[in-house]
Amino acid sequence: MPNFMQPIPLSLFTLAPLVIVMSGCSTTQPKNSIATLTSSHQMIYPSIDSGLSESLYPHEQEIAEEISDVIEQSIRQQYASGNARRDAHPKAHGCVRAEFHVLESLPKQLVQGVFIPGQTYQAWIRFSNGSPDATNADIKRDARGMAIKILGVSGKKLLEDEANATTQDFIMINHPVFFANDPSRYLSLMQDLNSESFLKKLHLPFALGAKGSSIALSFRTRISNPLQARYWSMVPYQLGIGPDRQAVKYSVRSCSATTTSIPKNPSHDFLRDALRESLQKGDACMEFLVQPRTSSKMAVEDSMTEWKETQAPFYPVAMIRIPQQVFDTPDQNKFCENLSFTPWHALPEHRPLGAVNRLRKVIYDRISRVRHEMNSAKRQEPQ
């Protein structure tokens, strides 16, 4: 059992579903830089779907803005203009071209949104480490992310200012649950992480609580190849619209159960090396799975409890083919850095559910805008 009195390394909290702040060491920028960015863009906070048992936490929208402010301040302190990176998952193993092929035969209740039987979409996939320190060696225990951007998806999307985008994102990490449910608890964590007080950092396990700290510790893993890990959405999503809509979670796994060993003397970026070598040899295959909720006890507001597969099985809905390719080029790496991923790049049939996802709408949008503004980079979805 973990010792909850021992301070948890900051890298544990850099997890995919929510952006986690970093302790910056550069000169603090004026706070009005935040106001300049946010005053021109007002995010509409998500409404709840009581029919799927969503419920708002007190002051949830205000807390989402506060968390965004803390993270933006951290990014502006951490990076100089022109060099801003993601506050979490800044180290990519690579962005690869892929095909997302929906299976020919699906259960009727799963034929929703992009899951059109026989449909094939082009896609981009970004594999990454979770730690905010992009200089970390890949052998360090960390969370590992997989972000999928499907292209050529028609229909109005949920983000108001990108309603006409033709992309659908799915964001995953190699762990089935998240470490927090309560927005207030999450804000407390952010404030402790960014405090200059050592005593505040000692408070981190108490900010998360015993269960949250235990989950955060379990995120620290090693993998041998991004193509061989299993990934989960951790948080739930709506599938379908109207009276037949349901709550689901997603997962991705390799088509093969074979895994390679971690090298005895791994290079600093051995996961990028493994991805490069795999795709030099041939195509890679992964399965995209959907897990429909089978009981109301599987609460959409509880991101800390796993929906056990024995009670709620996963169903394959698509095959992801990653063709043999050369991805590690300066132009493609730059393209990768400029991509933005959010679960709200989505059709209504794939609407994100729960407090964690509602917070993400505000936070992910803010951080993407900050990063692109600081880098003088155009912010747009790929065609």
Protein backbone atom coordinates (compact mmCIF):
# COMPACT_ATOMS: atom_id res chain seq x y z
CA MET A 1 0.00 0.00 0.00
CA PRO A 2 1.28 3.52 -0.73
CA ASN A 3 2.34 5.78 2.08
CA PHE A 4 -0.04 8.70 1.75
CA MET A 5 2.06 10.84 4.08
CA GLN A 6 4.91 10.76 1.57
CA PRO A 7 4.80 13.53 -1.06
CA ILE A 8 3.93 12.18 -4.49
CA PRO A 9 6.28 13.10 -7.37
CA LEU A 10 4.77 15.84 -9.50
CA SER A 11 5.10 13.73 -12.63
CA LEU A 12 2.36 11.46 -11.32
CA PHE A 13 -0.20 14.15 -11.87
CA THR A 14 0.51 14.79 -15.53
CA LEU A 15 -2.26 12.64 -16.88
CA ALA A 16 -4.07 12.71 -20.32
CA PRO A 17 -7.75 13.31 -19.55
CA LEU A 18 -7.05 16.60 -17.71
CA VAL A 19 -4.20 19.02 -18.22
CA ILE A 20 -1.94 19.26 -15.17
CA VAL A 21 0.10 22.35 -14.35
CA MET A 22 3.85 22.61 -14.20
CA SER A 23 6.02 24.56 -11.80
CA GLY A 24 7.67 27.19 -13.96
CA CYS A 25 11.05 28.71 -13.31
CA SER A 26 11.07 31.63 -15.73
CA THR A 27 10.01 35.17 -14.99
CA THR A 28 6.31 35.46 -14.23
CA GLN A 29 4.41 37.31 -16.91
CA PRO A 30 1.84 39.99 -16.02
CA LYS A 31 -1.51 38.51 -15.10
CA ASN A 32 -3.26 40.78 -17.57
CA SER A 33 -1.83 38.57 -20.31
CA ILE A 34 -4.44 36.02 -19.27
CA ALA A 35 -7.25 38.54 -19.39
CA THR A 36 -6.16 39.65 -22.87
CA LEU A 37 -6.51 36.14 -24.21
CA THR A 38 -9.69 35.07 -22.48
CA SER A 39 -11.73 38.26 -22.73
CA SER A 40 -12.15 37.80 -26.48
CA HIS A 41 -13.39 34.22 -26.21
CA GLN A 42 -16.25 33.09 -24.01
CA MET A 43 -16.71 29.35 -23.67
CA ILE A 44 -20.27 28.08 -23.27
CA TYR A 45 -20.20 25.68 -20.34
CA PRO A 46 -21.81 22.28 -21.03
CA SER A 47 -25.31 21.59 -19.84
CA ILE A 48 -26.02 18.28 -18.13
CA ASP A 49 -27.99 15.28 -19.32
CA SER A 50 -30.07 14.25 -16.30
CA GLY A 51 -31.45 11.36 -18.34
CA LEU A 52 -27.98 9.80 -18.21
CA SER A 53 -27.59 10.79 -14.53
CA GLU A 54 -25.26 13.75 -14.98
CA SER A 55 -25.30 16.29 -12.15
CA LEU A 56 -23.40 19.53 -11.65
CA TYR A 57 -21.00 20.08 -8.76
CA PRO A 58 -21.31 23.42 -6.88
CA HIS A 59 -19.63 26.33 -8.70
CA GLU A 60 -18.35 23.96 -11.37
CA GLN A 61 -18.05 26.50 -14.19
CA GLU A 62 -16.20 29.00 -12.00
CA ILE A 63 -13.81 26.27 -10.89
CA ALA A 64 -13.13 25.30 -14.51
CA GLU A 65 -12.10 28.90 -15.23
CA GLU A 66 -9.94 29.03 -12.11
CA ILE A 67 -8.12 25.84 -13.08
CA SER A 68 -7.61 27.24 -16.58
CA ASP A 69 -6.13 30.44 -15.12
CA VAL A 70 -3.69 28.46 -12.99
CA ILE A 71 -2.55 26.34 -15.92
CA GLU A 72 -2.24 29.29 -18.28
CA GLN A 73 -0.15 31.17 -15.73
CA SER A 74 2.07 28.10 -15.41
CA ILE A 75 2.61 27.81 -19.17
CA ARG A 76 3.48 31.50 -19.48
CA GLN A 77 5.98 31.14 -16.66
CA GLN A 78 7.46 27.91 -17.99
CA TYR A 79 7.97 28.84 -21.64
CA ALA A 80 9.20 31.78 -23.68
CA SER A 81 7.17 32.97 -26.65
CA GLY A 82 7.74 30.75 -29.65
CA ASN A 83 8.57 27.70 -27.53
CA ALA A 84 5.35 26.98 -25.65
CA ARG A 85 4.39 23.35 -25.31
CA ARG A 86 1.50 21.37 -23.89
CA ASP A 87 1.44 21.52 -20.11
CA ALA A 88 0.79 17.75 -20.02
CA HIS A 89 1.87 15.18 -22.58
CA PRO A 90 4.39 17.55 -24.21
CA LYS A 91 6.67 14.68 -25.27
CA ALA A 92 5.30 12.91 -28.32
CA HIS A 93 6.65 9.57 -29.51
CA GLY A 94 5.26 10.55 -32.90
CA CYS A 95 2.17 11.43 -34.88
CA VAL A 96 1.27 8.71 -37.37
CA ARG A 97 -1.16 8.41 -40.25
CA ALA A 98 -3.84 5.78 -39.75
CA GLU A 99 -7.06 4.34 -41.14
CA PHE A 100 -10.07 3.90 -38.87
CA HIS A 101 -12.16 1.13 -40.42
CA VAL A 102 -15.57 0.50 -38.84
CA LEU A 103 -16.48 -3.17 -38.83
CA GLU A 104 -19.01 -4.41 -41.37
CA SER A 105 -21.28 -5.92 -38.73
CA LEU A 106 -22.14 -4.18 -35.45
CA PRO A 107 -24.86 -4.58 -32.82
CA LYS A 108 -27.67 -2.18 -33.72
CA GLN A 109 -27.28 -0.13 -30.53
CA LEU A 110 -23.65 0.66 -31.43
CA VAL A 111 -24.38 1.96 -34.95
CA GLN A 112 -24.13 5.62 -33.93
CA GLY A 113 -22.08 8.67 -34.92
CA VAL A 114 -18.88 7.70 -36.70
CA PHE A 115 -19.62 4.01 -36.18
CA ILE A 116 -21.15 3.46 -39.61
CA PRO A 117 -20.67 -0.20 -40.63
CA GLY A 118 -18.04 -0.53 -43.35
CA GLN A 119 -17.01 3.14 -43.23
CA THR A 120 -13.28 3.92 -43.45
CA TYR A 121 -11.83 7.21 -42.24
CA GLN A 122 -8.35 8.65 -42.46
CA ALA A 123 -6.91 9.59 -39.08
CA TRP A 124 -3.95 10.98 -37.16
CA ILE A 125 -2.78 9.37 -33.93
CA ARG A 126 -0.45 11.02 -31.41
CA PHE A 127 1.36 8.80 -28.87
CA SER A 128 2.90 10.53 -25.85
CA ASN A 129 4.29 10.49 -22.32
CA GLY A 130 2.20 12.18 -19.63
CA SER A 131 4.91 14.00 -17.70
CA PRO A 132 5.12 17.79 -18.14
CA ASP A 133 8.89 17.40 -18.44
CA ALA A 134 9.51 16.68 -22.12
CA THR A 135 13.16 15.94 -21.34
CA ASN A 136 12.33 12.83 -19.29
CA ALA A 137 13.74 9.54 -20.49
CA ASP A 138 11.10 7.09 -21.71
CA ILE A 139 12.26 4.43 -19.24
CA LYS A 140 10.86 6.51 -16.37
CA ARG A 141 7.53 5.31 -15.05
CA ASP A 142 4.80 7.52 -16.45
CA ALA A 143 1.33 7.67 -17.95
CA ARG A 144 1.18 7.04 -21.72
CA GLY A 145 -1.34 8.70 -23.98
CA MET A 146 -3.01 7.91 -27.28
CA ALA A 147 -5.01 10.68 -28.99
CA ILE A 148 -6.94 9.82 -32.16
CA LYS A 149 -8.18 12.43 -34.62
CA ILE A 150 -10.54 11.02 -37.25
CA LEU A 151 -10.85 13.05 -40.45
CA GLY A 152 -13.68 13.56 -42.91
CA VAL A 153 -16.48 13.39 -40.34
CA SER A 154 -19.50 15.34 -41.57
CA GLY A 155 -22.10 16.94 -39.32
CA LYS A 156 -22.16 19.77 -36.78
CA LYS A 157 -19.74 19.36 -33.89
CA LEU A 158 -20.16 20.27 -30.23
CA LEU A 159 -17.55 23.06 -29.99
CA GLU A 160 -19.42 26.22 -30.87
CA ASP A 161 -16.55 27.97 -32.68
CA GLU A 162 -15.49 24.78 -34.49
CA ALA A 163 -18.93 23.45 -35.29
CA ASN A 164 -18.03 23.01 -38.97
CA ALA A 165 -14.80 21.13 -38.35
CA THR A 166 -14.67 17.70 -39.96
CA THR A 167 -12.81 15.92 -37.16
CA GLN A 168 -13.76 13.62 -34.29
CA ASP A 169 -11.30 13.11 -31.42
CA PHE A 170 -10.94 10.20 -29.00
CA ILE A 171 -8.49 10.75 -26.11
CA MET A 172 -7.12 7.85 -24.08
CA ILE A 173 -4.47 6.83 -21.58
CA ASN A 174 -3.04 3.49 -20.50
CA HIS A 175 -5.12 3.29 -17.32
CA PRO A 176 -8.85 2.58 -16.89
CA VAL A 177 -9.75 5.25 -14.28
CA PHE A 178 -8.96 8.85 -13.34
CA PHE A 179 -7.77 10.06 -9.94
CA ALA A 180 -10.40 12.73 -9.17
CA ASN A 181 -14.12 13.38 -9.47
CA ASP A 182 -14.74 16.57 -7.50
CA PRO A 183 -13.75 19.81 -9.32
CA SER A 184 -12.99 21.53 -5.99
CA ARG A 185 -10.57 18.79 -5.05
CA TYR A 186 -8.93 19.08 -8.45
CA LEU A 187 -8.57 22.85 -8.10
CA SER A 188 -6.95 22.35 -4.70
CA LEU A 189 -4.46 19.98 -6.32
CA MET A 190 -3.63 22.54 -9.00
CA GLN A 191 -3.07 25.26 -6.45
CA ASP A 192 -0.81 23.04 -4.34
CA LEU A 193 1.22 21.96 -7.37
CA ASN A 194 1.85 25.56 -8.38
CA SER A 195 2.55 26.92 -4.95
CA GLU A 196 6.08 28.02 -4.11
CA SER A 197 5.55 26.63 -0.63
CA PHE A 198 7.10 23.23 0.07
CA LEU A 199 4.46 22.65 2.73
CA LYS A 200 1.76 23.05 0.08
CA LYS A 201 3.40 20.36 -2.01
CA LEU A 202 3.43 18.08 1.02
CA HIS A 203 -0.34 18.54 1.03
CA LEU A 204 -0.74 16.92 -2.41
CA PRO A 205 -1.85 13.46 -1.19
CA PHE A 206 -4.43 15.10 1.07
CA ALA A 207 -5.76 17.16 -1.83
CA LEU A 208 -6.48 13.94 -3.72
CA GLY A 209 -7.51 11.77 -0.79
CA ALA A 210 -6.49 8.17 -0.17
CA LYS A 211 -8.27 6.67 -3.19
CA GLY A 212 -7.16 9.41 -5.57
CA SER A 213 -3.55 9.15 -4.39
CA SER A 214 -3.60 5.38 -4.82
CA ILE A 215 -4.93 5.74 -8.37
CA ALA A 216 -2.34 8.41 -9.20
CA LEU A 217 0.45 6.13 -8.00
CA SER A 218 -0.84 3.31 -10.20
CA PHE A 219 -0.42 5.48 -13.32
CA ARG A 220 3.35 5.03 -13.10
CA THR A 221 4.10 2.30 -15.60
CA ARG A 222 6.66 1.30 -18.19
CA ILE A 223 5.78 0.09 -21.68
CA SER A 224 7.96 -1.36 -24.42
CA ASN A 225 6.13 0.01 -27.48
CA PRO A 226 3.24 2.50 -27.83
CA LEU A 227 1.61 0.15 -30.36
CA GLN A 228 1.44 -2.69 -27.84
CA ALA A 229 -0.09 -0.89 -24.83
CA ARG A 230 -3.78 -0.89 -24.01
CA TYR A 231 -5.52 2.46 -23.65
CA TRP A 232 -8.81 3.56 -22.03
CA SER A 233 -10.97 6.68 -22.19
CA MET A 234 -11.22 6.52 -18.36
CA VAL A 235 -14.30 8.76 -18.41
CA PRO A 236 -17.70 8.11 -20.01
CA TYR A 237 -19.30 9.36 -23.20
CA GLN A 238 -22.75 9.41 -24.68
CA LEU A 239 -23.39 7.12 -27.61
CA GLY A 240 -26.33 8.04 -29.80
CA ILE A 241 -28.98 10.72 -29.39
CA GLY A 242 -32.61 10.63 -28.40
CA PRO A 243 -34.30 8.14 -26.07
CA ASP A 244 -31.99 5.26 -27.05
CA ARG A 245 -28.77 7.09 -26.15
CA GLN A 246 -26.51 5.34 -23.65
CA ALA A 247 -23.37 5.90 -21.59
CA VAL A 248 -20.22 4.14 -22.79
CA LYS A 249 -16.47 4.09 -22.36
CA TYR A 250 -13.83 3.42 -25.01
CA SER A 251 -10.65 1.39 -25.20
CA VAL A 252 -7.96 0.55 -27.75
CA ARG A 253 -5.72 -2.51 -27.76
CA SER A 254 -3.29 -4.18 -30.12
CA CYS A 255 -4.70 -6.79 -32.50
CA SER A 256 -1.92 -9.08 -31.31
CA ALA A 257 -1.28 -10.24 -27.76
CA THR A 258 2.46 -10.39 -28.48
CA THR A 259 4.59 -7.82 -26.69
CA THR A 260 8.28 -7.08 -26.97
CA SER A 261 10.59 -6.64 -24.00
CA ILE A 262 11.96 -3.30 -22.84
CA PRO A 263 15.57 -3.03 -24.08
CA LYS A 264 18.26 -3.82 -21.52
CA ASN A 265 19.93 -0.50 -22.25
CA PRO A 266 17.10 1.69 -23.56
CA SER A 267 17.89 4.91 -25.33
CA HIS A 268 16.53 8.17 -23.96
CA ASP A 269 13.70 8.12 -26.53
CA PHE A 270 13.35 4.37 -26.94
CA LEU A 271 9.55 4.52 -27.33
CA ARG A 272 9.93 6.76 -30.38
CA ASP A 273 12.60 4.37 -31.61
CA ALA A 274 10.27 1.40 -31.08
CA LEU A 275 7.43 3.14 -32.92
CA ARG A 276 9.76 4.08 -35.79
CA GLU A 277 11.22 0.58 -36.11
CA SER A 278 7.78 -1.08 -36.00
CA LEU A 279 6.44 1.08 -38.81
CA GLN A 280 9.57 0.63 -40.89
CA LYS A 281 8.97 -3.13 -40.85
CA GLY A 282 5.28 -3.07 -41.78
CA ASP A 283 1.72 -2.12 -40.85
CA ALA A 284 0.38 -2.09 -37.29
CA CYS A 285 -3.13 -3.07 -36.22
CA MET A 286 -5.18 -1.99 -33.20
CA GLU A 287 -8.79 -2.60 -32.16
CA PHE A 288 -11.17 0.17 -31.09
CA LEU A 289 -13.65 -1.05 -28.44
CA VAL A 290 -16.87 0.30 -26.91
CA GLN A 291 -18.08 -0.59 -23.41
CA PRO A 292 -21.81 0.11 -22.91
CA ARG A 293 -22.90 0.74 -19.34
CA THR A 294 -24.94 -2.18 -17.98
CA SER A 295 -26.01 -0.79 -14.60
CA SER A 296 -26.99 2.56 -13.09
CA LYS A 297 -24.39 1.80 -10.41
CA MET A 298 -21.79 2.65 -13.07
CA ALA A 299 -22.14 6.36 -12.36
CA VAL A 300 -21.14 8.81 -15.10
CA GLU A 301 -19.95 11.28 -12.45
CA ASP A 302 -17.61 8.71 -10.90
CA SER A 303 -14.38 8.65 -12.93
CA MET A 304 -12.50 6.86 -10.14
CA THR A 305 -14.31 3.53 -10.34
CA GLU A 306 -13.67 1.05 -13.13
CA TRP A 307 -16.53 -0.49 -15.06
CA LYS A 308 -15.45 -4.11 -14.71
CA GLU A 309 -15.35 -5.97 -18.01
CA THR A 310 -16.92 -9.00 -16.35
CA GLN A 311 -20.03 -6.88 -15.74
CA ALA A 312 -19.87 -4.62 -18.79
CA PRO A 313 -18.03 -6.23 -21.73
CA PHE A 314 -16.23 -4.31 -24.45
CA TYR A 315 -17.31 -4.79 -28.08
CA PRO A 316 -14.98 -4.26 -31.05
CA VAL A 317 -16.38 -1.58 -33.38
CA ALA A 318 -13.42 -0.66 -35.56
CA MET A 319 -9.97 -1.72 -36.69
CA ILE A 320 -7.20 0.87 -36.72
CA ARG A 321 -4.63 0.23 -39.41
CA ILE A 322 -1.40 2.19 -39.07
CA PRO A 323 0.37 1.66 -42.40
CA GLN A 324 4.10 1.27 -42.85
CA GLN A 325 5.46 4.81 -42.94
CA VAL A 326 8.19 7.30 -42.11
CA PHE A 327 6.76 9.70 -39.55
CA ASP A 328 9.84 11.07 -37.78
CA THR A 329 10.55 14.07 -40.01
CA PRO A 330 10.90 17.76 -39.05
CA ASP A 331 7.75 18.76 -40.96
CA GLN A 332 5.60 16.01 -39.47
CA ASN A 333 6.91 16.62 -35.96
CA LYS A 334 6.03 20.31 -36.32
CA PHE A 335 2.57 19.36 -37.59
CA CYS A 336 2.21 17.10 -34.56
CA GLU A 337 3.06 19.93 -32.16
CA ASN A 338 0.42 22.20 -33.68
CA LEU A 339 -2.42 19.68 -33.42
CA SER A 340 -5.06 20.24 -30.74
CA PHE A 341 -7.00 17.37 -29.21
CA THR A 342 -10.16 17.63 -27.11
CA PRO A 343 -13.04 15.21 -26.50
CA TRP A 344 -15.32 18.08 -27.52
CA HIS A 345 -14.15 17.82 -31.14
CA ALA A 346 -17.14 15.53 -31.43
CA LEU A 347 -20.51 14.80 -32.95
CA PRO A 348 -23.49 15.03 -30.58
CA GLU A 349 -23.67 11.22 -30.78
CA HIS A 350 -20.32 11.11 -28.95
CA ARG A 351 -20.95 13.86 -26.39
CA PRO A 352 -18.56 13.72 -23.39
CA LEU A 353 -20.22 12.99 -20.03
CA GLY A 354 -19.36 13.79 -16.42
CA ALA A 355 -17.64 16.57 -14.51
CA VAL A 356 -14.13 15.68 -15.69
CA ASN A 357 -15.22 16.01 -19.31
CA ARG A 358 -17.14 19.22 -18.65
CA LEU A 359 -14.02 20.76 -17.11
CA ARG A 360 -11.99 19.58 -20.08
CA LYS A 361 -14.08 21.60 -22.50
CA VAL A 362 -12.95 24.83 -20.84
CA ILE A 363 -9.40 23.81 -19.91
CA TYR A 364 -8.37 22.13 -23.17
CA ASP A 365 -9.68 25.02 -25.24
CA ARG A 366 -7.84 27.59 -23.13
CA ILE A 367 -4.53 25.76 -23.19
CA SER A 368 -4.69 25.21 -26.93
CA ARG A 369 -5.32 28.92 -27.47
CA VAL A 370 -2.48 29.93 -25.14
CA ARG A 371 0.00 27.60 -26.81
CA HIS A 372 -0.87 28.68 -30.33
CA GLU A 373 -0.93 32.37 -29.41
CA MET A 374 2.50 32.17 -27.73
CA ASN A 375 3.93 30.33 -30.74
CA SER A 376 2.25 32.59 -33.32
CA ALA A 377 0.86 29.40 -34.84
CA LYS A 378 -2.40 29.11 -36.71
CA ARG A 379 -5.00 27.13 -34.78
CA GLN A 380 -7.06 24.97 -37.10
CA GLU A 381 -8.28 21.42 -37.54
CA PRO A 382 -6.67 19.35 -40.31
CA GLN A 383 -8.74 18.56 -43.38
